[in-house]
Each structure stands twice: as structure tokens, then as C-alpha cells.
Amino acid sequence: MRSAERGTSTSGVELLNVSQHGLWLLIDGGEHYLPFDEFPWFRDATIRQLSRIDRPTKDHFYWPELDVDLSLGNIKRPEDYPLASRAGCSRSAPPHMEGGP
């Protein structure tokens, strides 16, 4: 039996910077700013927690130590996902993906 060919690498996400107002991600060469006002689940996280980002698919990002899931659509257009991006600050209710991008 022969194994299937490997797929395209889905890495390419990196934490660039963190300030008191938000964080910056580098995704496939493009910078994305996530303000804590719109992504409150990251506000009290450590650099280690923020830096550990899994990318199960091209448009899906997961912070396992925070149990936070975001799609690329959530990141690029948080206003299109009001339930996911504007929920309260409680990390017990993280933003799980709300549909596709």
C-alpha cells in the first residue's frame, strides 16, 4: 500500500508583537492586528500562550493553551462575527469558529 502525497504546508503564522492594546500576527507574509477590545480572550495571556498557534487548516488558527479558535475571516473582519469577536472577556467562553471566512 502506498501513502498519499503530502499536502501543502499550513504553517506560516507567527506572533510578531504584543502591546497593551493588542497583538500582531504574521500570516502568510501579511500582518494582522488583533485589538484586545475585539479579541478579549488574549488580553491576559502570556507570551508563551500567545506564541503557541496551531494551524489545522489554511484558514483555521487554534491557541491550545487558551482554547481559542479563530478563522482567517474572524481575524480579517471581526465586525462580521459579532458573537465570536465581541463576547465578554471571560476566557471560559472562548471564541469558537462561527462558520467560514
PDB file of N, CA and C in Angstrom:
ATOM      1  N   MET A   1       0.847  -1.181   0.000  1.00  0.00           N
ATOM      2  CA  MET A   1       0.000   0.000   0.000  1.00  0.00           C
ATOM      3  C   MET A   1       0.887   1.236   0.000  1.00  0.00           C
ATOM      4  N   ARG A   2       0.526   2.216  -0.786  1.00  0.00           N
ATOM      5  CA  ARG A   2       1.323   3.426  -0.925  1.00  0.00           C
ATOM      6  C   ARG A   2       0.642   4.593  -0.210  1.00  0.00           C
ATOM      7  N   SER A   3       1.419   5.391   0.501  1.00  0.00           N
ATOM      8  CA  SER A   3       0.875   6.553   1.192  1.00  0.00           C
ATOM      9  C   SER A   3       0.550   7.661   0.204  1.00  0.00           C
ATOM     10  N   ALA A   4      -0.400   8.484   0.575  1.00  0.00           N
ATOM     11  CA  ALA A   4      -0.757   9.630  -0.259  1.00  0.00           C
ATOM     12  C   ALA A   4       0.342  10.683  -0.192  1.00  0.00           C
ATOM     13  N   GLU A   5       0.412  11.512  -1.218  1.00  0.00           N
ATOM     14  CA  GLU A   5       1.378  12.605  -1.233  1.00  0.00           C
ATOM     15  C   GLU A   5       1.070  13.572  -0.092  1.00  0.00           C
ATOM     16  N   ARG A   6       2.114  14.166   0.451  1.00  0.00           N
ATOM     17  CA  ARG A   6       1.925  15.161   1.498  1.00  0.00           C
ATOM     18  C   ARG A   6       1.255  16.394   0.925  1.00  0.00           C
ATOM     19  N   GLY A   7       0.436  17.037   1.748  1.00  0.00           N
ATOM     20  CA  GLY A   7      -0.232  18.269   1.338  1.00  0.00           C
ATOM     21  C   GLY A   7       0.693  19.466   1.480  1.00  0.00           C
ATOM     22  N   THR A   8       0.176  20.604   1.138  1.00  0.00           N
ATOM     23  CA  THR A   8       0.926  21.845   1.267  1.00  0.00           C
ATOM     24  C   THR A   8       1.070  22.191   2.735  1.00  0.00           C
ATOM     25  N   SER A   9       2.208  22.740   3.100  1.00  0.00           N
ATOM     26  CA  SER A   9       2.434  23.158   4.477  1.00  0.00           C
ATOM     27  C   SER A   9       1.429  24.236   4.863  1.00  0.00           C
ATOM     28  N   THR A  10       0.868  24.122   6.058  1.00  0.00           N
ATOM     29  CA  THR A  10      -0.092  25.112   6.523  1.00  0.00           C
ATOM     30  C   THR A  10       0.489  25.960   7.638  1.00  0.00           C
ATOM     31  N   SER A  11       1.821  25.925   7.803  1.00  0.00           N
ATOM     32  CA  SER A  11       2.414  26.824   8.779  1.00  0.00           C
ATOM     33  C   SER A  11       2.409  28.215   8.178  1.00  0.00           C
ATOM     34  N   GLY A  12       3.199  29.105   8.699  1.00  0.00           N
ATOM     35  CA  GLY A  12       3.200  30.454   8.167  1.00  0.00           C
ATOM     36  C   GLY A  12       2.411  31.406   9.026  1.00  0.00           C
ATOM     37  N   VAL A  13       2.331  31.126  10.319  1.00  0.00           N
ATOM     38  CA  VAL A  13       1.705  32.059  11.261  1.00  0.00           C
ATOM     39  C   VAL A  13       2.688  32.280  12.407  1.00  0.00           C
ATOM     40  N   GLU A  14       2.873  33.541  12.765  1.00  0.00           N
ATOM     41  CA  GLU A  14       3.849  33.892  13.793  1.00  0.00           C
ATOM     42  C   GLU A  14       3.356  35.092  14.583  1.00  0.00           C
ATOM     43  N   LEU A  15       3.556  35.055  15.890  1.00  0.00           N
ATOM     44  CA  LEU A  15       3.280  36.199  16.741  1.00  0.00           C
ATOM     45  C   LEU A  15       4.403  37.202  16.529  1.00  0.00           C
ATOM     46  N   LEU A  16       4.063  38.419  16.089  1.00  0.00           N
ATOM     47  CA  LEU A  16       5.073  39.440  15.817  1.00  0.00           C
ATOM     48  C   LEU A  16       5.322  40.360  17.004  1.00  0.00           C
ATOM     49  N   ASN A  17       4.238  40.796  17.646  1.00  0.00           N
ATOM     50  CA  ASN A  17       4.362  41.798  18.701  1.00  0.00           C
ATOM     51  C   ASN A  17       3.119  41.762  19.583  1.00  0.00           C
ATOM     52  N   VAL A  18       3.295  42.222  20.818  1.00  0.00           N
ATOM     53  CA  VAL A  18       2.185  42.356  21.754  1.00  0.00           C
ATOM     54  C   VAL A  18       2.346  43.696  22.452  1.00  0.00           C
ATOM     55  N   SER A  19       1.272  44.462  22.528  1.00  0.00           N
ATOM     56  CA  SER A  19       1.289  45.720  23.266  1.00  0.00           C
ATOM     57  C   SER A  19       0.151  45.690  24.279  1.00  0.00           C
ATOM     58  N   GLN A  20      -0.036  46.771  24.999  1.00  0.00           N
ATOM     59  CA  GLN A  20      -1.140  46.818  25.958  1.00  0.00           C
ATOM     60  C   GLN A  20      -2.496  46.895  25.257  1.00  0.00           C
ATOM     61  N   HIS A  21      -2.485  47.154  23.943  1.00  0.00           N
ATOM     62  CA  HIS A  21      -3.732  47.315  23.197  1.00  0.00           C
ATOM     63  C   HIS A  21      -4.101  46.127  22.314  1.00  0.00           C
ATOM     64  N   GLY A  22      -3.135  45.272  21.992  1.00  0.00           N
ATOM     65  CA  GLY A  22      -3.441  44.160  21.110  1.00  0.00           C
ATOM     66  C   GLY A  22      -2.196  43.408  20.694  1.00  0.00           C
ATOM     67  N   LEU A  23      -2.378  42.534  19.721  1.00  0.00           N
ATOM     68  CA  LEU A  23      -1.253  41.739  19.231  1.00  0.00           C
ATOM     69  C   LEU A  23      -1.248  41.738  17.714  1.00  0.00           C
ATOM     70  N   TRP A  24      -0.078  41.462  17.164  1.00  0.00           N
ATOM     71  CA  TRP A  24       0.112  41.399  15.722  1.00  0.00           C
ATOM     72  C   TRP A  24       0.534  39.992  15.345  1.00  0.00           C
ATOM     73  N   LEU A  25      -0.099  39.473  14.298  1.00  0.00           N
ATOM     74  CA  LEU A  25       0.260  38.177  13.749  1.00  0.00           C
ATOM     75  C   LEU A  25       0.774  38.364  12.329  1.00  0.00           C
ATOM     76  N   LEU A  26       1.745  37.559  11.958  1.00  0.00           N
ATOM     77  CA  LEU A  26       2.200  37.472  10.578  1.00  0.00           C
ATOM     78  C   LEU A  26       1.619  36.179  10.026  1.00  0.00           C
ATOM     79  N   ILE A  27       0.728  36.310   9.057  1.00  0.00           N
ATOM     80  CA  ILE A  27       0.062  35.150   8.453  1.00  0.00           C
ATOM     81  C   ILE A  27       0.367  35.154   6.968  1.00  0.00           C
ATOM     82  N   ASP A  28       1.111  34.150   6.535  1.00  0.00           N
ATOM     83  CA  ASP A  28       1.469  34.008   5.117  1.00  0.00           C
ATOM     84  C   ASP A  28       2.032  35.313   4.546  1.00  0.00           C
ATOM     85  N   GLY A  29       2.872  35.996   5.313  1.00  0.00           N
ATOM     86  CA  GLY A  29       3.532  37.205   4.836  1.00  0.00           C
ATOM     87  C   GLY A  29       2.766  38.494   5.067  1.00  0.00           C
ATOM     88  N   GLY A  30       1.515  38.425   5.533  1.00  0.00           N
ATOM     89  CA  GLY A  30       0.718  39.627   5.791  1.00  0.00           C
ATOM     90  C   GLY A  30       0.532  39.852   7.287  1.00  0.00           C
ATOM     91  N   GLU A  31       0.638  41.119   7.717  1.00  0.00           N
ATOM     92  CA  GLU A  31       0.455  41.452   9.128  1.00  0.00           C
ATOM     93  C   GLU A  31      -1.024  41.679   9.438  1.00  0.00           C
ATOM     94  N   HIS A  32      -1.445  41.180  10.602  1.00  0.00           N
ATOM     95  CA  HIS A  32      -2.829  41.338  11.052  1.00  0.00           C
ATOM     96  C   HIS A  32      -2.811  41.775  12.512  1.00  0.00           C
ATOM     97  N   TYR A  33      -3.523  42.866  12.809  1.00  0.00           N
ATOM     98  CA  TYR A  33      -3.616  43.395  14.164  1.00  0.00           C
ATOM     99  C   TYR A  33      -4.910  42.905  14.803  1.00  0.00           C
ATOM    100  N   LEU A  34      -4.802  42.353  16.007  1.00  0.00           N
ATOM    101  CA  LEU A  34      -5.952  41.891  16.764  1.00  0.00           C
ATOM    102  C   LEU A  34      -6.043  42.715  18.041  1.00  0.00           C
ATOM    103  N   PRO A  35      -6.879  43.758  18.056  1.00  0.00           N
ATOM    104  CA  PRO A  35      -7.012  44.579  19.263  1.00  0.00           C
ATOM    105  C   PRO A  35      -7.730  43.804  20.369  1.00  0.00           C
ATOM    106  N   PHE A  36      -7.274  44.001  21.597  1.00  0.00           N
ATOM    107  CA  PHE A  36      -7.880  43.293  22.720  1.00  0.00           C
ATOM    108  C   PHE A  36      -9.345  43.675  22.924  1.00  0.00           C
ATOM    109  N   ASP A  37      -9.745  44.856  22.487  1.00  0.00           N
ATOM    110  CA  ASP A  37     -11.152  45.236  22.599  1.00  0.00           C
ATOM    111  C   ASP A  37     -12.044  44.319  21.768  1.00  0.00           C
ATOM    112  N   GLU A  38     -11.512  43.806  20.670  1.00  0.00           N
ATOM    113  CA  GLU A  38     -12.281  42.915  19.811  1.00  0.00           C
ATOM    114  C   GLU A  38     -11.949  41.444  20.037  1.00  0.00           C
ATOM    115  N   PHE A  39     -10.792  41.170  20.631  1.00  0.00           N
ATOM    116  CA  PHE A  39     -10.342  39.802  20.896  1.00  0.00           C
ATOM    117  C   PHE A  39      -9.905  39.713  22.365  1.00  0.00           C
ATOM    118  N   PRO A  40     -10.845  39.858  23.298  1.00  0.00           N
ATOM    119  CA  PRO A  40     -10.505  39.962  24.726  1.00  0.00           C
ATOM    120  C   PRO A  40      -9.899  38.699  25.328  1.00  0.00           C
ATOM    121  N   TRP A  41     -10.023  37.576  24.664  1.00  0.00           N
ATOM    122  CA  TRP A  41      -9.502  36.316  25.197  1.00  0.00           C
ATOM    123  C   TRP A  41      -7.995  36.310  25.267  1.00  0.00           C
ATOM    124  N   PHE A  42      -7.346  37.202  24.531  1.00  0.00           N
ATOM    125  CA  PHE A  42      -5.894  37.264  24.505  1.00  0.00           C
ATOM    126  C   PHE A  42      -5.312  38.263  25.507  1.00  0.00           C
ATOM    127  N   ARG A  43      -6.134  39.118  26.077  1.00  0.00           N
ATOM    128  CA  ARG A  43      -5.675  40.241  26.910  1.00  0.00           C
ATOM    129  C   ARG A  43      -4.755  39.812  28.053  1.00  0.00           C
ATOM    130  N   ASP A  44      -5.091  38.790  28.798  1.00  0.00           N
ATOM    131  CA  ASP A  44      -4.313  38.390  29.973  1.00  0.00           C
ATOM    132  C   ASP A  44      -3.413  37.181  29.715  1.00  0.00           C
ATOM    133  N   ALA A  45      -3.279  36.810  28.465  1.00  0.00           N
ATOM    134  CA  ALA A  45      -2.466  35.638  28.119  1.00  0.00           C
ATOM    135  C   ALA A  45      -0.978  35.971  28.202  1.00  0.00           C
ATOM    136  N   THR A  46      -0.184  34.955  28.456  1.00  0.00           N
ATOM    137  CA  THR A  46       1.268  35.117  28.472  1.00  0.00           C
ATOM    138  C   THR A  46       1.796  35.071  27.032  1.00  0.00           C
ATOM    139  N   ILE A  47       3.028  35.534  26.856  1.00  0.00           N
ATOM    140  CA  ILE A  47       3.664  35.465  25.542  1.00  0.00           C
ATOM    141  C   ILE A  47       3.736  34.012  25.080  1.00  0.00           C
ATOM    142  N   ARG A  48       4.053  33.118  25.987  1.00  0.00           N
ATOM    143  CA  ARG A  48       4.115  31.695  25.634  1.00  0.00           C
ATOM    144  C   ARG A  48       2.767  31.196  25.119  1.00  0.00           C
ATOM    145  N   GLN A  49       1.681  31.557  25.807  1.00  0.00           N
ATOM    146  CA  GLN A  49       0.356  31.124  25.376  1.00  0.00           C
ATOM    147  C   GLN A  49      -0.011  31.726  24.017  1.00  0.00           C
ATOM    148  N   LEU A  50       0.337  32.986  23.812  1.00  0.00           N
ATOM    149  CA  LEU A  50       0.028  33.652  22.549  1.00  0.00           C
ATOM    150  C   LEU A  50       0.867  33.109  21.394  1.00  0.00           C
ATOM    151  N   SER A  51       2.080  32.694  21.698  1.00  0.00           N
ATOM    152  CA  SER A  51       3.010  32.230  20.668  1.00  0.00           C
ATOM    153  C   SER A  51       2.703  30.836  20.152  1.00  0.00           C
ATOM    154  N   ARG A  52       2.038  30.048  20.951  1.00  0.00           N
ATOM    155  CA  ARG A  52       1.726  28.672  20.529  1.00  0.00           C
ATOM    156  C   ARG A  52       0.444  28.682  19.714  1.00  0.00           C
ATOM    157  N   ILE A  53       0.613  28.695  18.401  1.00  0.00           N
ATOM    158  CA  ILE A  53      -0.524  28.776  17.482  1.00  0.00           C
ATOM    159  C   ILE A  53      -0.487  27.562  16.566  1.00  0.00           C
ATOM    160  N   ASP A  54      -1.528  26.753  16.635  1.00  0.00           N
ATOM    161  CA  ASP A  54      -1.668  25.624  15.720  1.00  0.00           C
ATOM    162  C   ASP A  54      -2.487  26.094  14.523  1.00  0.00           C
ATOM    163  N   ARG A  55      -2.219  25.490  13.388  1.00  0.00           N
ATOM    164  CA  ARG A  55      -2.947  25.843  12.163  1.00  0.00           C
ATOM    165  C   ARG A  55      -3.405  24.551  11.495  1.00  0.00           C
ATOM    166  N   PRO A  56      -4.537  24.003  11.968  1.00  0.00           N
ATOM    167  CA  PRO A  56      -5.009  22.729  11.419  1.00  0.00           C
ATOM    168  C   PRO A  56      -5.350  22.791   9.935  1.00  0.00           C
ATOM    169  N   THR A  57      -5.822  23.945   9.465  1.00  0.00           N
ATOM    170  CA  THR A  57      -6.083  24.153   8.043  1.00  0.00           C
ATOM    171  C   THR A  57      -5.616  25.557   7.676  1.00  0.00           C
ATOM    172  N   LYS A  58      -5.628  25.862   6.408  1.00  0.00           N
ATOM    173  CA  LYS A  58      -5.146  27.159   5.925  1.00  0.00           C
ATOM    174  C   LYS A  58      -5.866  28.337   6.579  1.00  0.00           C
ATOM    175  N   ASP A  59      -7.157  28.203   6.859  1.00  0.00           N
ATOM    176  CA  ASP A  59      -7.955  29.306   7.391  1.00  0.00           C
ATOM    177  C   ASP A  59      -8.395  29.114   8.834  1.00  0.00           C
ATOM    178  N   HIS A  60      -7.747  28.216   9.568  1.00  0.00           N
ATOM    179  CA  HIS A  60      -8.146  27.917  10.946  1.00  0.00           C
ATOM    180  C   HIS A  60      -6.926  28.014  11.854  1.00  0.00           C
ATOM    181  N   PHE A  61      -7.055  28.806  12.906  1.00  0.00           N
ATOM    182  CA  PHE A  61      -5.972  29.013  13.864  1.00  0.00           C
ATOM    183  C   PHE A  61      -6.479  28.629  15.255  1.00  0.00           C
ATOM    184  N   TYR A  62      -5.621  27.965  16.013  1.00  0.00           N
ATOM    185  CA  TYR A  62      -6.027  27.466  17.333  1.00  0.00           C
ATOM    186  C   TYR A  62      -4.903  27.714  18.330  1.00  0.00           C
ATOM    187  N   TRP A  63      -5.248  28.331  19.446  1.00  0.00           N
ATOM    188  CA  TRP A  63      -4.337  28.549  20.559  1.00  0.00           C
ATOM    189  C   TRP A  63      -4.688  27.516  21.625  1.00  0.00           C
ATOM    190  N   PRO A  64      -4.002  26.371  21.656  1.00  0.00           N
ATOM    191  CA  PRO A  64      -4.393  25.270  22.539  1.00  0.00           C
ATOM    192  C   PRO A  64      -4.328  25.601  24.025  1.00  0.00           C
ATOM    193  N   GLU A  65      -3.374  26.404  24.440  1.00  0.00           N
ATOM    194  CA  GLU A  65      -3.277  26.729  25.863  1.00  0.00           C
ATOM    195  C   GLU A  65      -4.368  27.692  26.312  1.00  0.00           C
ATOM    196  N   LEU A  66      -5.020  28.354  25.375  1.00  0.00           N
ATOM    197  CA  LEU A  66      -6.115  29.279  25.683  1.00  0.00           C
ATOM    198  C   LEU A  66      -7.473  28.724  25.262  1.00  0.00           C
ATOM    199  N   ASP A  67      -7.474  27.620  24.497  1.00  0.00           N
ATOM    200  CA  ASP A  67      -8.680  27.022  23.925  1.00  0.00           C
ATOM    201  C   ASP A  67      -9.458  28.053  23.108  1.00  0.00           C
ATOM    202  N   VAL A  68      -8.742  28.749  22.224  1.00  0.00           N
ATOM    203  CA  VAL A  68      -9.333  29.766  21.357  1.00  0.00           C
ATOM    204  C   VAL A  68      -9.157  29.332  19.912  1.00  0.00           C
ATOM    205  N   ASP A  69     -10.256  29.339  19.177  1.00  0.00           N
ATOM    206  CA  ASP A  69     -10.286  29.035  17.745  1.00  0.00           C
ATOM    207  C   ASP A  69     -10.686  30.295  16.994  1.00  0.00           C
ATOM    208  N   LEU A  70      -9.983  30.609  15.915  1.00  0.00           N
ATOM    209  CA  LEU A  70     -10.385  31.707  15.046  1.00  0.00           C
ATOM    210  C   LEU A  70     -10.179  31.290  13.600  1.00  0.00           C
ATOM    211  N   SER A  71     -11.047  31.770  12.745  1.00  0.00           N
ATOM    212  CA  SER A  71     -10.838  31.584  11.314  1.00  0.00           C
ATOM    213  C   SER A  71     -10.127  32.826  10.784  1.00  0.00           C
ATOM    214  N   LEU A  72      -9.594  32.732   9.587  1.00  0.00           N
ATOM    215  CA  LEU A  72      -8.969  33.890   8.974  1.00  0.00           C
ATOM    216  C   LEU A  72      -9.996  35.003   8.793  1.00  0.00           C
ATOM    217  N   GLY A  73     -11.235  34.634   8.530  1.00  0.00           N
ATOM    218  CA  GLY A  73     -12.312  35.621   8.423  1.00  0.00           C
ATOM    219  C   GLY A  73     -12.530  36.362   9.731  1.00  0.00           C
ATOM    220  N   ASN A  74     -12.487  35.650  10.865  1.00  0.00           N
ATOM    221  CA  ASN A  74     -12.610  36.299  12.175  1.00  0.00           C
ATOM    222  C   ASN A  74     -11.520  37.348  12.358  1.00  0.00           C
ATOM    223  N   ILE A  75     -10.315  37.013  11.934  1.00  0.00           N
ATOM    224  CA  ILE A  75      -9.163  37.891  12.124  1.00  0.00           C
ATOM    225  C   ILE A  75      -9.232  39.094  11.187  1.00  0.00           C
ATOM    226  N   LYS A  76      -9.551  38.861   9.928  1.00  0.00           N
ATOM    227  CA  LYS A  76      -9.577  39.949   8.947  1.00  0.00           C
ATOM    228  C   LYS A  76     -10.776  40.863   9.098  1.00  0.00           C
ATOM    229  N   ARG A  77     -11.932  40.294   9.484  1.00  0.00           N
ATOM    230  CA  ARG A  77     -13.171  41.069   9.552  1.00  0.00           C
ATOM    231  C   ARG A  77     -13.947  40.747  10.830  1.00  0.00           C
ATOM    232  N   PRO A  78     -13.422  41.135  11.997  1.00  0.00           N
ATOM    233  CA  PRO A  78     -14.108  40.790  13.246  1.00  0.00           C
ATOM    234  C   PRO A  78     -15.525  41.360  13.325  1.00  0.00           C
ATOM    235  N   GLU A  79     -15.786  42.460  12.607  1.00  0.00           N
ATOM    236  CA  GLU A  79     -17.125  43.048  12.630  1.00  0.00           C
ATOM    237  C   GLU A  79     -18.161  42.131  11.986  1.00  0.00           C
ATOM    238  N   ASP A  80     -17.735  41.193  11.143  1.00  0.00           N
ATOM    239  CA  ASP A  80     -18.651  40.245  10.520  1.00  0.00           C
ATOM    240  C   ASP A  80     -19.016  39.081  11.437  1.00  0.00           C
ATOM    241  N   TYR A  81     -18.344  38.991  12.587  1.00  0.00           N
ATOM    242  CA  TYR A  81     -18.547  37.886  13.527  1.00  0.00           C
ATOM    243  C   TYR A  81     -18.801  38.445  14.920  1.00  0.00           C
ATOM    244  N   PRO A  82     -19.890  39.180  15.113  1.00  0.00           N
ATOM    245  CA  PRO A  82     -20.102  39.848  16.401  1.00  0.00           C
ATOM    246  C   PRO A  82     -20.200  38.910  17.597  1.00  0.00           C
ATOM    247  N   LEU A  83     -20.749  37.735  17.441  1.00  0.00           N
ATOM    248  CA  LEU A  83     -20.840  36.816  18.574  1.00  0.00           C
ATOM    249  C   LEU A  83     -19.473  36.253  18.929  1.00  0.00           C
ATOM    250  N   ALA A  84     -18.644  36.054  17.935  1.00  0.00           N
ATOM    251  CA  ALA A  84     -17.327  35.481  18.179  1.00  0.00           C
ATOM    252  C   ALA A  84     -16.339  36.520  18.659  1.00  0.00           C
ATOM    253  N   SER A  85     -16.424  37.746  18.163  1.00  0.00           N
ATOM    254  CA  SER A  85     -15.371  38.705  18.462  1.00  0.00           C
ATOM    255  C   SER A  85     -15.742  39.739  19.499  1.00  0.00           C
ATOM    256  N   ARG A  86     -16.994  39.821  19.901  1.00  0.00           N
ATOM    257  CA  ARG A  86     -17.385  40.840  20.860  1.00  0.00           C
ATOM    258  C   ARG A  86     -17.979  40.248  22.142  1.00  0.00           C
ATOM    259  N   ALA A  87     -17.847  38.952  22.316  1.00  0.00           N
ATOM    260  CA  ALA A  87     -18.345  38.329  23.539  1.00  0.00           C
ATOM    261  C   ALA A  87     -17.539  38.840  24.712  1.00  0.00           C
ATOM    262  N   GLY A  88     -18.019  38.611  25.905  1.00  0.00           N
ATOM    263  CA  GLY A  88     -17.356  39.122  27.100  1.00  0.00           C
ATOM    264  C   GLY A  88     -15.935  38.652  27.257  1.00  0.00           C
ATOM    265  N   CYS A  89     -15.281  39.140  28.249  1.00  0.00           N
ATOM    266  CA  CYS A  89     -13.866  38.897  28.482  1.00  0.00           C
ATOM    267  C   CYS A  89     -13.594  37.522  29.074  1.00  0.00           C
ATOM    268  N   SER A  90     -14.591  36.786  29.420  1.00  0.00           N
ATOM    269  CA  SER A  90     -14.389  35.505  30.088  1.00  0.00           C
ATOM    270  C   SER A  90     -13.676  34.529  29.181  1.00  0.00           C
ATOM    271  N   ARG A  91     -12.552  34.021  29.656  1.00  0.00           N
ATOM    272  CA  ARG A  91     -11.855  33.024  28.861  1.00  0.00           C
ATOM    273  C   ARG A  91     -12.533  31.671  29.010  1.00  0.00           C
ATOM    274  N   SER A  92     -13.539  31.570  29.868  1.00  0.00           N
ATOM    275  CA  SER A  92     -14.273  30.310  29.959  1.00  0.00           C
ATOM    276  C   SER A  92     -15.217  30.166  28.776  1.00  0.00           C
ATOM    277  N   ALA A  93     -15.427  31.248  28.029  1.00  0.00           N
ATOM    278  CA  ALA A  93     -16.274  31.201  26.850  1.00  0.00           C
ATOM    279  C   ALA A  93     -15.484  31.748  25.656  1.00  0.00           C
ATOM    280  N   PRO A  94     -14.495  30.969  25.165  1.00  0.00           N
ATOM    281  CA  PRO A  94     -13.648  31.465  24.086  1.00  0.00           C
ATOM    282  C   PRO A  94     -14.405  31.533  22.760  1.00  0.00           C
ATOM    283  N   PRO A  95     -13.832  32.264  21.808  1.00  0.00           N
ATOM    284  CA  PRO A  95     -14.485  32.419  20.514  1.00  0.00           C
ATOM    285  C   PRO A  95     -14.242  31.212  19.638  1.00  0.00           C
ATOM    286  N   HIS A  96     -15.179  30.318  19.583  1.00  0.00           N
ATOM    287  CA  HIS A  96     -15.041  29.195  18.670  1.00  0.00           C
ATOM    288  C   HIS A  96     -15.561  29.633  17.319  1.00  0.00           C
ATOM    289  N   MET A  97     -15.067  29.020  16.311  1.00  0.00           N
ATOM    290  CA  MET A  97     -15.358  29.462  14.951  1.00  0.00           C
ATOM    291  C   MET A  97     -16.852  29.507  14.687  1.00  0.00           C
ATOM    292  N   GLU A  98     -17.273  30.587  14.081  1.00  0.00           N
ATOM    293  CA  GLU A  98     -18.668  30.794  13.710  1.00  0.00           C
ATOM    294  C   GLU A  98     -18.757  30.745  12.194  1.00  0.00           C
ATOM    295  N   GLY A  99     -18.846  29.598  11.614  1.00  0.00           N
ATOM    296  CA  GLY A  99     -18.939  29.497  10.170  1.00  0.00           C
ATOM    297  C   GLY A  99     -17.600  29.747   9.511  1.00  0.00           C
ATOM    298  N   GLY A 100     -17.604  29.870   8.218  1.00  0.00           N
ATOM    299  CA  GLY A 100     -16.377  30.062   7.457  1.00  0.00           C
ATOM    300  C   GLY A 100     -16.037  31.516   7.284  1.00  0.00           C
ATOM    301  N   PRO A 101     -14.906  31.776   6.635  1.00  0.00           N
ATOM    302  CA  PRO A 101     -14.461  33.151   6.434  1.00  0.00           C
ATOM    303  C   PRO A 101     -15.357  33.937   5.508  1.00  0.00           C
TER     304      PRO A 101
END
